[in-house]
Amino acid sequence: MTNQIAIVLGLILIAAVSVDITLFGDTHLVFLGKKLFELIHWVAFWR
């Protein structure tokens, strides 16, 4: 992955998170963060 692709992907991610927070608040982001943490913990267990 080149630096240019990484920067574009990062900007898209930041834009998506900011739109989500603006339109729906931060409760969805907290929920997704908790679920992501559970997924990482589950995958680490099976590793």
N, C-alpha and C. Protein backbone atom coordinates (compact mmCIF):
# COMPACT_ATOMS: atom_id res chain seq x y z
N MET A 1 0.86 -1.17 0.00
CA MET A 1 0.00 0.00 0.00
C MET A 1 0.90 1.23 0.00
N THR A 2 0.62 2.13 -0.90
CA THR A 2 1.41 3.35 -0.98
C THR A 2 0.91 4.37 0.04
N ASN A 3 1.71 5.39 0.27
CA ASN A 3 1.32 6.43 1.21
C ASN A 3 0.08 7.17 0.74
N GLN A 4 -0.05 7.38 -0.55
CA GLN A 4 -1.20 8.11 -1.08
C GLN A 4 -2.50 7.33 -0.84
N ILE A 5 -2.48 6.02 -1.04
CA ILE A 5 -3.66 5.21 -0.80
C ILE A 5 -4.00 5.21 0.69
N ALA A 6 -3.00 5.12 1.55
CA ALA A 6 -3.24 5.12 2.98
C ALA A 6 -3.84 6.45 3.44
N ILE A 7 -3.37 7.54 2.89
CA ILE A 7 -3.92 8.85 3.26
C ILE A 7 -5.37 8.98 2.81
N VAL A 8 -5.66 8.53 1.60
CA VAL A 8 -7.05 8.60 1.09
C VAL A 8 -7.97 7.74 1.94
N LEU A 9 -7.55 6.53 2.25
CA LEU A 9 -8.37 5.66 3.09
C LEU A 9 -8.58 6.25 4.48
N GLY A 10 -7.55 6.86 5.04
CA GLY A 10 -7.68 7.51 6.34
C GLY A 10 -8.64 8.68 6.30
N LEU A 11 -8.58 9.48 5.25
CA LEU A 11 -9.50 10.60 5.12
C LEU A 11 -10.95 10.13 4.94
N ILE A 12 -11.14 9.06 4.19
CA ILE A 12 -12.49 8.51 4.03
C ILE A 12 -13.02 8.00 5.37
N LEU A 13 -12.18 7.34 6.13
CA LEU A 13 -12.60 6.84 7.44
C LEU A 13 -12.94 7.98 8.39
N ILE A 14 -12.12 9.01 8.42
CA ILE A 14 -12.39 10.16 9.28
C ILE A 14 -13.67 10.87 8.86
N ALA A 15 -13.90 11.00 7.56
CA ALA A 15 -15.12 11.64 7.06
C ALA A 15 -16.35 10.81 7.43
N ALA A 16 -16.27 9.50 7.31
CA ALA A 16 -17.40 8.64 7.65
C ALA A 16 -17.73 8.72 9.14
N VAL A 17 -16.72 8.73 9.97
CA VAL A 17 -16.95 8.83 11.42
C VAL A 17 -17.53 10.19 11.78
N SER A 18 -17.03 11.25 11.17
CA SER A 18 -17.56 12.58 11.50
C SER A 18 -19.00 12.74 11.03
N VAL A 19 -19.35 12.19 9.87
CA VAL A 19 -20.75 12.24 9.41
C VAL A 19 -21.64 11.43 10.35
N ASP A 20 -21.18 10.27 10.78
CA ASP A 20 -21.95 9.44 11.70
C ASP A 20 -22.20 10.16 13.02
N ILE A 21 -21.17 10.79 13.56
CA ILE A 21 -21.32 11.51 14.82
C ILE A 21 -22.24 12.71 14.65
N THR A 22 -22.12 13.41 13.51
CA THR A 22 -22.95 14.58 13.27
C THR A 22 -24.43 14.21 13.14
N LEU A 23 -24.72 13.15 12.42
CA LEU A 23 -26.11 12.80 12.15
C LEU A 23 -26.76 11.99 13.27
N PHE A 24 -26.03 11.07 13.87
CA PHE A 24 -26.64 10.12 14.78
C PHE A 24 -26.11 10.18 16.21
N GLY A 25 -25.10 10.97 16.49
CA GLY A 25 -24.52 11.00 17.82
C GLY A 25 -23.43 9.96 17.96
N ASP A 26 -22.88 9.89 19.14
CA ASP A 26 -21.73 9.00 19.34
C ASP A 26 -22.09 7.64 19.93
N THR A 27 -23.38 7.34 20.14
CA THR A 27 -23.74 6.06 20.75
C THR A 27 -23.45 4.89 19.81
N HIS A 28 -23.63 5.06 18.51
CA HIS A 28 -23.31 3.99 17.57
C HIS A 28 -21.83 3.68 17.57
N LEU A 29 -21.03 4.72 17.67
CA LEU A 29 -19.58 4.53 17.64
C LEU A 29 -19.10 3.78 18.89
N VAL A 30 -19.69 4.08 20.03
CA VAL A 30 -19.34 3.37 21.27
C VAL A 30 -19.74 1.90 21.16
N PHE A 31 -20.94 1.64 20.63
CA PHE A 31 -21.40 0.27 20.44
C PHE A 31 -20.47 -0.51 19.53
N LEU A 32 -20.11 0.09 18.38
CA LEU A 32 -19.21 -0.58 17.45
C LEU A 32 -17.83 -0.80 18.05
N GLY A 33 -17.36 0.14 18.86
CA GLY A 33 -16.07 -0.03 19.52
C GLY A 33 -16.08 -1.20 20.48
N LYS A 34 -17.17 -1.34 21.24
CA LYS A 34 -17.28 -2.47 22.17
C LYS A 34 -17.34 -3.79 21.42
N LYS A 35 -18.09 -3.83 20.33
CA LYS A 35 -18.19 -5.07 19.55
C LYS A 35 -16.85 -5.41 18.89
N LEU A 36 -16.12 -4.39 18.43
CA LEU A 36 -14.81 -4.63 17.84
C LEU A 36 -13.85 -5.19 18.89
N PHE A 37 -13.91 -4.67 20.11
CA PHE A 37 -13.06 -5.18 21.18
C PHE A 37 -13.39 -6.64 21.48
N GLU A 38 -14.68 -6.98 21.51
CA GLU A 38 -15.08 -8.37 21.74
C GLU A 38 -14.59 -9.27 20.61
N LEU A 39 -14.68 -8.80 19.36
CA LEU A 39 -14.21 -9.58 18.22
C LEU A 39 -12.71 -9.83 18.30
N ILE A 40 -11.95 -8.80 18.65
CA ILE A 40 -10.49 -8.96 18.77
C ILE A 40 -10.15 -9.95 19.87
N HIS A 41 -10.88 -9.87 20.98
CA HIS A 41 -10.65 -10.80 22.08
C HIS A 41 -10.98 -12.24 21.65
N TRP A 42 -12.07 -12.42 20.92
CA TRP A 42 -12.48 -13.74 20.46
C TRP A 42 -11.48 -14.31 19.46
N VAL A 43 -11.00 -13.49 18.53
CA VAL A 43 -10.03 -13.95 17.54
C VAL A 43 -8.70 -14.30 18.23
N ALA A 44 -8.31 -13.51 19.21
CA ALA A 44 -7.06 -13.80 19.94
C ALA A 44 -7.16 -15.11 20.69
N PHE A 45 -8.35 -15.44 21.17
CA PHE A 45 -8.53 -16.71 21.87
C PHE A 45 -8.30 -17.88 20.93
N TRP A 46 -8.80 -17.81 19.71
CA TRP A 46 -8.67 -18.91 18.77
C TRP A 46 -7.31 -18.95 18.08
N ARG A 47 -6.52 -17.95 18.29
CA ARG A 47 -5.20 -17.94 17.68
C ARG A 47 -4.34 -18.95 18.40
